[in-house]
Amino acid sequence: MRSTTWRFVATLTACAALVGCGGDAPSTLDAPGPDATCGDVAARAALDVPYQALPGVAPDLQALDIYPPCSGSQPAPVVVWVHGGAWAIGDKRAQITDKVALFTAAGYLLVSINYRLSPDTPDLDPARVMHPRHVEDAAAAVAWVHDHIAGYGGDPARLVLLGHSAGAHLVALLGTDPAWLGAHGLPLATLAGVGSFDTEAYDIPTTMQTASAMQALILRNAFGDDPAVWAMASPLNHVVAGQGIPPFLVVERGEPGRRQTEAAFAQRLRDVGGASTVIDAGGLTHEEVNASIGAAGDTVMTAPVMAFLAACFR
């Protein structure tokens, strides 16, 4: 078991080719620093703000960080970022520096959230954190933002979710299944848009049919072994006409099966009369999709993301 555990952790930490992994291990944390156009970002931020408190859950996993815009009219449009990491690792400050600089310089208020994580060992303890805990927390965080962000200068009527990898799955589920935000009295129309960047978890049952042993273990760790749960956790199965699904921005990249799953989700949105725009990120690795947002010299991710936000925030 010790060898299996090591391989599982190593895979989670460097899983650019695997389902739902974001490469956002805690060791990659990068605290925002001074921005020449915006002053000291860290000094202006509200960090580790609790959005809920659950017994036995570490407070950091129930907290979010708020980065106000450099300038612009108040109240500011709000971007909520949901990190990746195979639903088992990662943190709200992982690879956040470029995103803070990008979004706040554009006049947007950025919120980055944490949520409960599944174990980073492959023991598959029946009592482990798994679906729906991740999405429940993400929904609670979004509801908190909607209800409280005006006090930080944000506009709850202009709210977009962005996420990478496991975070891409979570924001896609929040944007298609009305149950999660509905538990907080919010309709899908609360969201002005959703950016879901590179995940095969749009359709978990289909992905499980061809998953490698380690891919399957990652998904089982997060979603259990019940195919009915896999189906309910799959955003593709909740894309229904007439329920107010917001516009989506979706990444396509990777091997053919992955591209097919991502393309199928984007097409399903269009089939029901929704809006979906696709970024072809075929020249990037899974991890580079995340790292490229706001990075100097990026020619793939940043411009489409900013164009999408501008359209959502009109």
C-alpha atoms as a PDB file:
ATOM      1  CA  MET A   1       0.000   0.000   0.000  1.00  0.00           C
ATOM      2  CA  ARG A   2       2.858   2.410   0.673  1.00  0.00           C
ATOM      3  CA  SER A   3       4.054   2.078  -2.931  1.00  0.00           C
ATOM      4  CA  THR A   4       0.509   2.504  -4.251  1.00  0.00           C
ATOM      5  CA  THR A   5      -0.005   5.581  -2.091  1.00  0.00           C
ATOM      6  CA  TRP A   6       3.219   7.160  -3.356  1.00  0.00           C
ATOM      7  CA  ARG A   7       2.211   6.543  -6.967  1.00  0.00           C
ATOM      8  CA  PHE A   8      -1.234   8.006  -6.331  1.00  0.00           C
ATOM      9  CA  VAL A   9       0.137  11.193  -4.762  1.00  0.00           C
ATOM     10  CA  ALA A  10       2.750  11.515  -7.502  1.00  0.00           C
ATOM     11  CA  THR A  11       0.063  11.129 -10.122  1.00  0.00           C
ATOM     12  CA  LEU A  12      -2.148  13.746  -8.489  1.00  0.00           C
ATOM     13  CA  THR A  13       0.745  16.187  -8.327  1.00  0.00           C
ATOM     14  CA  ALA A  14       1.871  15.720 -11.924  1.00  0.00           C
ATOM     15  CA  CYS A  15      -1.289  14.600 -13.674  1.00  0.00           C
ATOM     16  CA  ALA A  16      -1.435  16.865 -16.701  1.00  0.00           C
ATOM     17  CA  ALA A  17      -2.709  14.043 -18.894  1.00  0.00           C
ATOM     18  CA  LEU A  18      -5.283  12.653 -16.479  1.00  0.00           C
ATOM     19  CA  VAL A  19      -8.944  13.350 -15.882  1.00  0.00           C
ATOM     20  CA  GLY A  20      -9.778  16.349 -13.744  1.00  0.00           C
ATOM     21  CA  CYS A  21      -6.270  16.919 -12.450  1.00  0.00           C
ATOM     22  CA  GLY A  22      -4.994  20.424 -12.221  1.00  0.00           C
ATOM     23  CA  GLY A  23      -1.386  20.160 -11.098  1.00  0.00           C
ATOM     24  CA  ASP A  24      -2.298  22.546  -8.299  1.00  0.00           C
ATOM     25  CA  ALA A  25      -0.469  20.827  -5.458  1.00  0.00           C
ATOM     26  CA  PRO A  26      -0.130  22.843  -2.262  1.00  0.00           C
ATOM     27  CA  SER A  27       3.592  23.234  -2.922  1.00  0.00           C
ATOM     28  CA  THR A  28       2.799  25.441  -5.922  1.00  0.00           C
ATOM     29  CA  LEU A  29       1.204  28.241  -3.897  1.00  0.00           C
ATOM     30  CA  ASP A  30       2.169  31.696  -5.081  1.00  0.00           C
ATOM     31  CA  ALA A  31       1.000  34.627  -3.004  1.00  0.00           C
ATOM     32  CA  PRO A  32       0.150  37.753  -4.980  1.00  0.00           C
ATOM     33  CA  GLY A  33       2.792  40.468  -4.854  1.00  0.00           C
ATOM     34  CA  PRO A  34       3.043  44.090  -5.923  1.00  0.00           C
ATOM     35  CA  ASP A  35       1.652  44.927  -9.358  1.00  0.00           C
ATOM     36  CA  ALA A  36       3.147  47.940 -11.094  1.00  0.00           C
ATOM     37  CA  THR A  37      -0.247  48.948 -12.465  1.00  0.00           C
ATOM     38  CA  CYS A  38      -2.254  48.275  -9.361  1.00  0.00           C
ATOM     39  CA  GLY A  39      -0.118  48.734  -6.247  1.00  0.00           C
ATOM     40  CA  ASP A  40       0.311  46.023  -3.629  1.00  0.00           C
ATOM     41  CA  VAL A  41      -2.372  43.454  -4.464  1.00  0.00           C
ATOM     42  CA  ALA A  42      -1.858  41.496  -1.242  1.00  0.00           C
ATOM     43  CA  ALA A  43      -2.326  44.626   0.874  1.00  0.00           C
ATOM     44  CA  ARG A  44      -5.697  45.308  -0.737  1.00  0.00           C
ATOM     45  CA  ALA A  45      -6.973  41.733  -0.703  1.00  0.00           C
ATOM     46  CA  ALA A  46      -9.298  40.172   1.853  1.00  0.00           C
ATOM     47  CA  LEU A  47      -7.815  36.737   2.429  1.00  0.00           C
ATOM     48  CA  ASP A  48      -9.220  33.604   4.076  1.00  0.00           C
ATOM     49  CA  VAL A  49     -12.738  34.982   4.384  1.00  0.00           C
ATOM     50  CA  PRO A  50     -15.012  32.184   5.689  1.00  0.00           C
ATOM     51  CA  TYR A  51     -18.064  31.381   3.566  1.00  0.00           C
ATOM     52  CA  GLN A  52     -19.323  28.626   5.869  1.00  0.00           C
ATOM     53  CA  ALA A  53     -18.215  26.667   8.933  1.00  0.00           C
ATOM     54  CA  LEU A  54     -18.803  22.915   9.123  1.00  0.00           C
ATOM     55  CA  PRO A  55     -17.947  20.752  12.145  1.00  0.00           C
ATOM     56  CA  GLY A  56     -14.695  18.873  11.689  1.00  0.00           C
ATOM     57  CA  VAL A  57     -13.729  20.688   8.478  1.00  0.00           C
ATOM     58  CA  ALA A  58     -10.535  22.759   8.363  1.00  0.00           C
ATOM     59  CA  PRO A  59     -11.469  26.470   8.146  1.00  0.00           C
ATOM     60  CA  ASP A  60      -9.120  27.000   5.191  1.00  0.00           C
ATOM     61  CA  LEU A  61     -11.203  24.598   3.111  1.00  0.00           C
ATOM     62  CA  GLN A  62     -14.278  26.729   3.790  1.00  0.00           C
ATOM     63  CA  ALA A  63     -12.719  30.072   2.902  1.00  0.00           C
ATOM     64  CA  LEU A  64     -12.184  32.338  -0.068  1.00  0.00           C
ATOM     65  CA  ASP A  65      -9.882  35.187  -1.089  1.00  0.00           C
ATOM     66  CA  ILE A  66     -11.178  38.498  -2.487  1.00  0.00           C
ATOM     67  CA  TYR A  67      -9.075  40.714  -4.766  1.00  0.00           C
ATOM     68  CA  PRO A  68     -10.675  44.101  -5.538  1.00  0.00           C
ATOM     69  CA  PRO A  69     -10.170  45.753  -8.921  1.00  0.00           C
ATOM     70  CA  CYS A  70      -7.434  48.268  -9.558  1.00  0.00           C
ATOM     71  CA  SER A  71      -9.908  50.878 -10.729  1.00  0.00           C
ATOM     72  CA  GLY A  72     -13.167  51.277 -12.560  1.00  0.00           C
ATOM     73  CA  SER A  73     -16.751  51.931 -11.709  1.00  0.00           C
ATOM     74  CA  GLN A  74     -18.330  50.481  -8.610  1.00  0.00           C
ATOM     75  CA  PRO A  75     -19.822  48.013  -8.152  1.00  0.00           C
ATOM     76  CA  ALA A  76     -17.376  45.857 -10.110  1.00  0.00           C
ATOM     77  CA  PRO A  77     -18.163  42.695 -12.110  1.00  0.00           C
ATOM     78  CA  VAL A  78     -17.196  39.550 -10.198  1.00  0.00           C
ATOM     79  CA  VAL A  79     -15.079  36.610 -11.403  1.00  0.00           C
ATOM     80  CA  VAL A  80     -15.107  33.506  -9.168  1.00  0.00           C
ATOM     81  CA  TRP A  81     -12.172  31.134  -9.720  1.00  0.00           C
ATOM     82  CA  VAL A  82     -12.381  27.424  -8.749  1.00  0.00           C
ATOM     83  CA  HIS A  83      -9.035  25.591  -8.652  1.00  0.00           C
ATOM     84  CA  GLY A  84      -8.320  22.106  -9.929  1.00  0.00           C
ATOM     85  CA  GLY A  85      -6.402  19.166  -8.509  1.00  0.00           C
ATOM     86  CA  ALA A  86      -8.343  15.910  -9.091  1.00  0.00           C
ATOM     87  CA  TRP A  87     -10.837  16.920  -6.379  1.00  0.00           C
ATOM     88  CA  ALA A  88      -8.091  15.855  -3.926  1.00  0.00           C
ATOM     89  CA  ILE A  89      -5.314  18.484  -3.928  1.00  0.00           C
ATOM     90  CA  GLY A  90      -4.926  22.159  -4.793  1.00  0.00           C
ATOM     91  CA  ASP A  91      -5.599  25.502  -3.180  1.00  0.00           C
ATOM     92  CA  LYS A  92      -7.220  28.852  -3.943  1.00  0.00           C
ATOM     93  CA  ARG A  93      -3.825  30.584  -4.178  1.00  0.00           C
ATOM     94  CA  ALA A  94      -2.204  28.092  -6.534  1.00  0.00           C
ATOM     95  CA  GLN A  95      -1.104  29.811  -9.755  1.00  0.00           C
ATOM     96  CA  ILE A  96      -3.255  32.826  -8.916  1.00  0.00           C
ATOM     97  CA  THR A  97      -0.781  35.705  -9.372  1.00  0.00           C
ATOM     98  CA  ASP A  98      -1.247  36.198 -13.119  1.00  0.00           C
ATOM     99  CA  LYS A  99      -5.015  35.877 -12.786  1.00  0.00           C
ATOM    100  CA  VAL A 100      -5.138  38.503 -10.045  1.00  0.00           C
ATOM    101  CA  ALA A 101      -3.137  40.933 -12.166  1.00  0.00           C
ATOM    102  CA  LEU A 102      -5.193  40.209 -15.297  1.00  0.00           C
ATOM    103  CA  PHE A 103      -8.677  40.444 -13.842  1.00  0.00           C
ATOM    104  CA  THR A 104      -8.164  43.280 -11.379  1.00  0.00           C
ATOM    105  CA  ALA A 105      -6.422  45.411 -14.023  1.00  0.00           C
ATOM    106  CA  ALA A 106      -9.518  44.930 -16.210  1.00  0.00           C
ATOM    107  CA  GLY A 107     -11.716  46.346 -13.463  1.00  0.00           C
ATOM    108  CA  TYR A 108     -13.035  43.002 -12.230  1.00  0.00           C
ATOM    109  CA  LEU A 109     -13.216  41.793  -8.647  1.00  0.00           C
ATOM    110  CA  LEU A 110     -11.682  38.312  -8.347  1.00  0.00           C
ATOM    111  CA  VAL A 111     -12.744  35.713  -5.786  1.00  0.00           C
ATOM    112  CA  SER A 112     -10.806  32.441  -5.453  1.00  0.00           C
ATOM    113  CA  ILE A 113     -12.405  29.671  -3.396  1.00  0.00           C
ATOM    114  CA  ASN A 114     -11.401  26.541  -1.547  1.00  0.00           C
ATOM    115  CA  TYR A 115     -13.605  23.492  -0.975  1.00  0.00           C
ATOM    116  CA  ARG A 116     -13.417  20.137   0.771  1.00  0.00           C
ATOM    117  CA  LEU A 117     -11.058  17.662  -0.881  1.00  0.00           C
ATOM    118  CA  SER A 118     -11.129  13.920  -1.293  1.00  0.00           C
ATOM    119  CA  PRO A 119      -8.170  12.031   0.232  1.00  0.00           C
ATOM    120  CA  ASP A 120      -4.806  12.186  -1.515  1.00  0.00           C
ATOM    121  CA  THR A 121      -4.342   8.467  -0.835  1.00  0.00           C
ATOM    122  CA  PRO A 122      -5.994   5.604  -2.759  1.00  0.00           C
ATOM    123  CA  ASP A 123      -7.513   3.869   0.275  1.00  0.00           C
ATOM    124  CA  LEU A 124     -11.128   4.473  -0.856  1.00  0.00           C
ATOM    125  CA  ASP A 125     -12.365   4.712   2.721  1.00  0.00           C
ATOM    126  CA  PRO A 126     -16.189   4.668   2.521  1.00  0.00           C
ATOM    127  CA  ALA A 127     -16.296   7.635   4.915  1.00  0.00           C
ATOM    128  CA  ARG A 128     -14.020   9.788   2.742  1.00  0.00           C
ATOM    129  CA  VAL A 129     -14.954  13.163   1.317  1.00  0.00           C
ATOM    130  CA  MET A 130     -16.418  12.610  -2.134  1.00  0.00           C
ATOM    131  CA  HIS A 131     -19.205  13.880  -4.378  1.00  0.00           C
ATOM    132  CA  PRO A 132     -21.371  15.826  -3.637  1.00  0.00           C
ATOM    133  CA  ARG A 133     -19.234  17.509  -0.959  1.00  0.00           C
ATOM    134  CA  HIS A 134     -16.990  19.367  -3.451  1.00  0.00           C
ATOM    135  CA  VAL A 135     -19.878  20.897  -5.391  1.00  0.00           C
ATOM    136  CA  GLU A 136     -21.893  21.580  -2.234  1.00  0.00           C
ATOM    137  CA  ASP A 137     -19.029  23.714  -0.971  1.00  0.00           C
ATOM    138  CA  ALA A 138     -18.573  25.453  -4.306  1.00  0.00           C
ATOM    139  CA  ALA A 139     -22.286  26.289  -4.351  1.00  0.00           C
ATOM    140  CA  ALA A 140     -22.115  27.606  -0.792  1.00  0.00           C
ATOM    141  CA  ALA A 141     -19.158  29.801  -1.723  1.00  0.00           C
ATOM    142  CA  VAL A 142     -20.942  31.200  -4.777  1.00  0.00           C
ATOM    143  CA  ALA A 143     -24.046  31.874  -2.683  1.00  0.00           C
ATOM    144  CA  TRP A 144     -21.913  33.697  -0.112  1.00  0.00           C
ATOM    145  CA  VAL A 145     -20.369  35.790  -2.861  1.00  0.00           C
ATOM    146  CA  HIS A 146     -23.799  36.624  -4.268  1.00  0.00           C
ATOM    147  CA  ASP A 147     -25.098  37.669  -0.848  1.00  0.00           C
ATOM    148  CA  HIS A 148     -22.029  39.513   0.490  1.00  0.00           C
ATOM    149  CA  ILE A 149     -19.818  40.737  -2.332  1.00  0.00           C
ATOM    150  CA  ALA A 150     -21.534  44.129  -2.531  1.00  0.00           C
ATOM    151  CA  GLY A 151     -19.859  44.882   0.780  1.00  0.00           C
ATOM    152  CA  TYR A 152     -16.483  44.448  -0.945  1.00  0.00           C
ATOM    153  CA  GLY A 153     -17.356  46.585  -3.964  1.00  0.00           C
ATOM    154  CA  GLY A 154     -18.621  43.782  -6.213  1.00  0.00           C
ATOM    155  CA  ASP A 155     -21.791  43.537  -8.267  1.00  0.00           C
ATOM    156  CA  PRO A 156     -23.729  40.307  -7.523  1.00  0.00           C
ATOM    157  CA  ALA A 157     -25.801  40.879 -10.677  1.00  0.00           C
ATOM    158  CA  ARG A 158     -22.652  40.393 -12.803  1.00  0.00           C
ATOM    159  CA  LEU A 159     -21.134  37.110 -11.674  1.00  0.00           C
ATOM    160  CA  VAL A 160     -19.085  34.683 -13.803  1.00  0.00           C
ATOM    161  CA  LEU A 161     -17.565  31.352 -12.719  1.00  0.00           C
ATOM    162  CA  LEU A 162     -14.235  30.128 -14.101  1.00  0.00           C
ATOM    163  CA  GLY A 163     -12.509  26.856 -13.256  1.00  0.00           C
ATOM    164  CA  HIS A 164      -9.745  24.559 -14.445  1.00  0.00           C
ATOM    165  CA  SER A 165      -9.698  20.769 -14.418  1.00  0.00           C
ATOM    166  CA  ALA A 166     -11.624  19.507 -11.366  1.00  0.00           C
ATOM    167  CA  GLY A 167     -12.664  23.141 -10.982  1.00  0.00           C
ATOM    168  CA  ALA A 168     -13.864  23.055 -14.597  1.00  0.00           C
ATOM    169  CA  HIS A 169     -16.121  20.145 -13.679  1.00  0.00           C
ATOM    170  CA  LEU A 170     -17.449  21.938 -10.596  1.00  0.00           C
ATOM    171  CA  VAL A 171     -18.309  25.190 -12.364  1.00  0.00           C
ATOM    172  CA  ALA A 172     -19.912  23.236 -15.220  1.00  0.00           C
ATOM    173  CA  LEU A 173     -22.085  21.360 -12.728  1.00  0.00           C
ATOM    174  CA  LEU A 174     -23.066  24.603 -10.975  1.00  0.00           C
ATOM    175  CA  GLY A 175     -23.951  26.110 -14.347  1.00  0.00           C
ATOM    176  CA  THR A 176     -26.096  23.219 -15.611  1.00  0.00           C
ATOM    177  CA  ASP A 177     -27.718  21.471 -12.635  1.00  0.00           C
ATOM    178  CA  PRO A 178     -30.071  23.938 -10.893  1.00  0.00           C
ATOM    179  CA  ALA A 179     -30.119  21.870  -7.695  1.00  0.00           C
ATOM    180  CA  TRP A 180     -26.829  23.153  -6.286  1.00  0.00           C
ATOM    181  CA  LEU A 181     -27.418  26.905  -6.409  1.00  0.00           C
ATOM    182  CA  GLY A 182     -31.122  26.247  -5.914  1.00  0.00           C
ATOM    183  CA  ALA A 183     -30.315  24.883  -2.456  1.00  0.00           C
ATOM    184  CA  HIS A 184     -29.376  28.482  -1.620  1.00  0.00           C
ATOM    185  CA  GLY A 185     -32.383  30.031  -3.307  1.00  0.00           C
ATOM    186  CA  LEU A 186     -30.475  31.041  -6.443  1.00  0.00           C
ATOM    187  CA  PRO A 187     -31.464  30.207 -10.042  1.00  0.00           C
ATOM    188  CA  LEU A 188     -28.996  29.384 -12.793  1.00  0.00           C
ATOM    189  CA  ALA A 189     -29.706  32.875 -14.145  1.00  0.00           C
ATOM    190  CA  THR A 190     -27.663  34.173 -11.195  1.00  0.00           C
ATOM    191  CA  LEU A 191     -24.623  33.352 -13.337  1.00  0.00           C
ATOM    192  CA  ALA A 192     -23.744  35.664 -16.223  1.00  0.00           C
ATOM    193  CA  GLY A 193     -21.405  33.019 -17.641  1.00  0.00           C
ATOM    194  CA  VAL A 194     -19.263  29.947 -16.948  1.00  0.00           C
ATOM    195  CA  GLY A 195     -15.729  29.242 -18.175  1.00  0.00           C
ATOM    196  CA  SER A 196     -14.932  25.536 -17.908  1.00  0.00           C
ATOM    197  CA  PHE A 197     -11.341  24.810 -18.861  1.00  0.00           C
ATOM    198  CA  ASP A 198     -10.316  21.247 -19.734  1.00  0.00           C
ATOM    199  CA  THR A 199     -12.012  18.319 -18.051  1.00  0.00           C
ATOM    200  CA  GLU A 200     -13.226  14.904 -19.180  1.00  0.00           C
ATOM    201  CA  ALA A 201     -15.650  14.790 -16.260  1.00  0.00           C
ATOM    202  CA  TYR A 202     -18.503  16.292 -18.286  1.00  0.00           C
ATOM    203  CA  ASP A 203     -19.547  12.679 -18.861  1.00  0.00           C
ATOM    204  CA  ILE A 204     -18.102  10.452 -16.143  1.00  0.00           C
ATOM    205  CA  PRO A 205     -19.744   7.137 -17.195  1.00  0.00           C
ATOM    206  CA  THR A 206     -18.353   7.484 -20.724  1.00  0.00           C
ATOM    207  CA  THR A 207     -14.908   8.478 -19.473  1.00  0.00           C
ATOM    208  CA  MET A 208     -14.837   5.478 -17.115  1.00  0.00           C
ATOM    209  CA  GLN A 209     -15.290   3.121 -20.079  1.00  0.00           C
ATOM    210  CA  THR A 210     -11.832   3.921 -21.443  1.00  0.00           C
ATOM    211  CA  ALA A 211     -10.045   5.257 -18.345  1.00  0.00           C
ATOM    212  CA  SER A 212      -6.634   3.928 -17.389  1.00  0.00           C
ATOM    213  CA  ALA A 213      -6.341   2.222 -14.016  1.00  0.00           C
ATOM    214  CA  MET A 214      -5.011   5.416 -12.414  1.00  0.00           C
ATOM    215  CA  GLN A 215      -7.628   7.613 -14.101  1.00  0.00           C
ATOM    216  CA  ALA A 216     -10.347   5.296 -12.861  1.00  0.00           C
ATOM    217  CA  LEU A 217      -8.906   5.374  -9.343  1.00  0.00           C
ATOM    218  CA  ILE A 218      -8.910   9.188  -9.327  1.00  0.00           C
ATOM    219  CA  LEU A 219     -12.560   9.258 -10.420  1.00  0.00           C
ATOM    220  CA  ARG A 220     -13.587   6.537  -7.975  1.00  0.00           C
ATOM    221  CA  ASN A 221     -11.817   8.412  -5.186  1.00  0.00           C
ATOM    222  CA  ALA A 222     -13.910  11.499  -5.930  1.00  0.00           C
ATOM    223  CA  PHE A 223     -17.216   9.969  -7.070  1.00  0.00           C
ATOM    224  CA  GLY A 224     -17.420   6.461  -5.624  1.00  0.00           C
ATOM    225  CA  ASP A 225     -18.448   3.317  -7.491  1.00  0.00           C
ATOM    226  CA  ASP A 226     -22.144   3.861  -8.209  1.00  0.00           C
ATOM    227  CA  PRO A 227     -22.803   4.490 -11.934  1.00  0.00           C
ATOM    228  CA  ALA A 228     -25.989   6.341 -10.986  1.00  0.00           C
ATOM    229  CA  VAL A 229     -23.895   8.810  -8.983  1.00  0.00           C
ATOM    230  CA  TRP A 230     -21.465   9.162 -11.903  1.00  0.00           C
ATOM    231  CA  ALA A 231     -24.400  10.047 -14.156  1.00  0.00           C
ATOM    232  CA  MET A 232     -25.835  12.613 -11.732  1.00  0.00           C
ATOM    233  CA  ALA A 233     -22.383  14.174 -11.277  1.00  0.00           C
ATOM    234  CA  SER A 234     -21.949  14.596 -15.049  1.00  0.00           C
ATOM    235  CA  PRO A 235     -22.767  18.123 -16.299  1.00  0.00           C
ATOM    236  CA  LEU A 236     -23.651  16.771 -19.755  1.00  0.00           C
ATOM    237  CA  ASN A 237     -26.699  15.027 -18.296  1.00  0.00           C
ATOM    238  CA  HIS A 238     -28.113  18.279 -16.922  1.00  0.00           C
ATOM    239  CA  VAL A 239     -28.041  20.310 -20.111  1.00  0.00           C
ATOM    240  CA  VAL A 240     -31.763  20.867 -20.677  1.00  0.00           C
ATOM    241  CA  ALA A 241     -33.505  23.610 -22.614  1.00  0.00           C
ATOM    242  CA  GLY A 242     -35.431  26.298 -20.794  1.00  0.00           C
ATOM    243  CA  GLN A 243     -33.742  26.257 -17.401  1.00  0.00           C
ATOM    244  CA  GLY A 244     -31.613  29.370 -17.814  1.00  0.00           C
ATOM    245  CA  ILE A 245     -28.205  27.807 -18.439  1.00  0.00           C
ATOM    246  CA  PRO A 246     -25.710  30.680 -18.828  1.00  0.00           C
ATOM    247  CA  PRO A 247     -23.267  31.115 -21.728  1.00  0.00           C
ATOM    248  CA  PHE A 248     -20.259  28.772 -21.553  1.00  0.00           C
ATOM    249  CA  LEU A 249     -16.632  29.030 -22.618  1.00  0.00           C
ATOM    250  CA  VAL A 250     -15.118  25.550 -23.022  1.00  0.00           C
ATOM    251  CA  VAL A 251     -11.580  24.336 -23.731  1.00  0.00           C
ATOM    252  CA  GLU A 252     -10.897  21.475 -26.135  1.00  0.00           C
ATOM    253  CA  ARG A 253      -7.500  19.758 -26.165  1.00  0.00           C
ATOM    254  CA  GLY A 254      -5.721  16.474 -25.601  1.00  0.00           C
ATOM    255  CA  GLU A 255      -6.118  13.005 -27.042  1.00  0.00           C
ATOM    256  CA  PRO A 256      -9.148  12.220 -29.248  1.00  0.00           C
ATOM    257  CA  GLY A 257     -11.337  10.773 -26.492  1.00  0.00           C
ATOM    258  CA  ARG A 258     -10.836  13.818 -24.313  1.00  0.00           C
ATOM    259  CA  ARG A 259     -11.554  16.183 -27.195  1.00  0.00           C
ATOM    260  CA  GLN A 260     -14.671  14.213 -28.074  1.00  0.00           C
ATOM    261  CA  THR A 261     -16.041  14.511 -24.525  1.00  0.00           C
ATOM    262  CA  GLU A 262     -15.350  18.239 -24.378  1.00  0.00           C
ATOM    263  CA  ALA A 263     -16.786  18.812 -27.853  1.00  0.00           C
ATOM    264  CA  ALA A 264     -19.909  16.793 -26.978  1.00  0.00           C
ATOM    265  CA  PHE A 265     -20.580  19.002 -23.968  1.00  0.00           C
ATOM    266  CA  ALA A 266     -20.187  22.195 -25.999  1.00  0.00           C
ATOM    267  CA  GLN A 267     -22.431  20.802 -28.724  1.00  0.00           C
ATOM    268  CA  ARG A 268     -25.105  19.724 -26.240  1.00  0.00           C
ATOM    269  CA  LEU A 269     -25.255  23.301 -24.960  1.00  0.00           C
ATOM    270  CA  ARG A 270     -25.803  24.552 -28.501  1.00  0.00           C
ATOM    271  CA  ASP A 271     -28.383  21.826 -29.217  1.00  0.00           C
ATOM    272  CA  VAL A 272     -30.654  23.129 -26.454  1.00  0.00           C
ATOM    273  CA  GLY A 273     -30.339  26.710 -27.634  1.00  0.00           C
ATOM    274  CA  GLY A 274     -27.550  27.733 -25.283  1.00  0.00           C
ATOM    275  CA  ALA A 275     -24.394  29.641 -26.065  1.00  0.00           C
ATOM    276  CA  SER A 276     -21.054  27.868 -26.020  1.00  0.00           C
ATOM    277  CA  THR A 277     -17.729  29.152 -27.303  1.00  0.00           C
ATOM    278  CA  VAL A 278     -14.762  26.809 -27.697  1.00  0.00           C
ATOM    279  CA  ILE A 279     -11.072  27.563 -27.198  1.00  0.00           C
ATOM    280  CA  ASP A 280      -8.914  25.163 -29.185  1.00  0.00           C
ATOM    281  CA  ALA A 281      -5.994  24.691 -26.801  1.00  0.00           C
ATOM    282  CA  GLY A 282      -4.516  21.746 -28.679  1.00  0.00           C
ATOM    283  CA  GLY A 283      -1.026  23.202 -28.462  1.00  0.00           C
ATOM    284  CA  LEU A 284      -1.095  23.316 -24.659  1.00  0.00           C
ATOM    285  CA  THR A 285      -0.749  20.667 -21.983  1.00  0.00           C
ATOM    286  CA  HIS A 286      -3.468  20.321 -19.375  1.00  0.00           C
ATOM    287  CA  GLU A 287      -1.455  22.280 -16.826  1.00  0.00           C
ATOM    288  CA  GLU A 288      -0.523  24.961 -19.380  1.00  0.00           C
ATOM    289  CA  VAL A 289      -4.210  25.723 -19.962  1.00  0.00           C
ATOM    290  CA  ASN A 290      -4.300  27.004 -16.383  1.00  0.00           C
ATOM    291  CA  ALA A 291      -0.848  28.582 -16.292  1.00  0.00           C
ATOM    292  CA  SER A 292      -1.407  30.495 -19.532  1.00  0.00           C
ATOM    293  CA  ILE A 293      -4.303  32.622 -18.276  1.00  0.00           C
ATOM    294  CA  GLY A 294      -2.819  36.095 -17.856  1.00  0.00           C
ATOM    295  CA  ALA A 295       0.745  34.905 -18.520  1.00  0.00           C
ATOM    296  CA  ALA A 296       3.059  37.152 -20.515  1.00  0.00           C
ATOM    297  CA  GLY A 297       3.184  36.112 -24.162  1.00  0.00           C
ATOM    298  CA  ASP A 298       0.160  33.823 -24.033  1.00  0.00           C
ATOM    299  CA  THR A 299      -1.637  33.640 -27.378  1.00  0.00           C
ATOM    300  CA  VAL A 300      -4.183  30.909 -26.615  1.00  0.00           C
ATOM    301  CA  MET A 301      -6.120  31.412 -23.383  1.00  0.00           C
ATOM    302  CA  THR A 302      -6.001  35.025 -22.221  1.00  0.00           C
ATOM    303  CA  ALA A 303      -7.652  36.853 -25.117  1.00  0.00           C
ATOM    304  CA  PRO A 304     -10.656  34.482 -25.450  1.00  0.00           C
ATOM    305  CA  VAL A 305     -11.180  34.505 -21.683  1.00  0.00           C
ATOM    306  CA  MET A 306     -11.177  38.297 -21.556  1.00  0.00           C
ATOM    307  CA  ALA A 307     -13.462  38.559 -24.598  1.00  0.00           C
ATOM    308  CA  PHE A 308     -15.876  36.114 -22.962  1.00  0.00           C
ATOM    309  CA  LEU A 309     -15.907  38.106 -19.717  1.00  0.00           C
ATOM    310  CA  ALA A 310     -16.476  41.371 -21.566  1.00  0.00           C
ATOM    311  CA  ALA A 311     -19.477  39.867 -23.366  1.00  0.00           C
ATOM    312  CA  CYS A 312     -20.915  38.426 -20.145  1.00  0.00           C
ATOM    313  CA  PHE A 313     -20.495  41.711 -18.271  1.00  0.00           C
ATOM    314  CA  ARG A 314     -22.145  44.029 -20.817  1.00  0.00           C
END
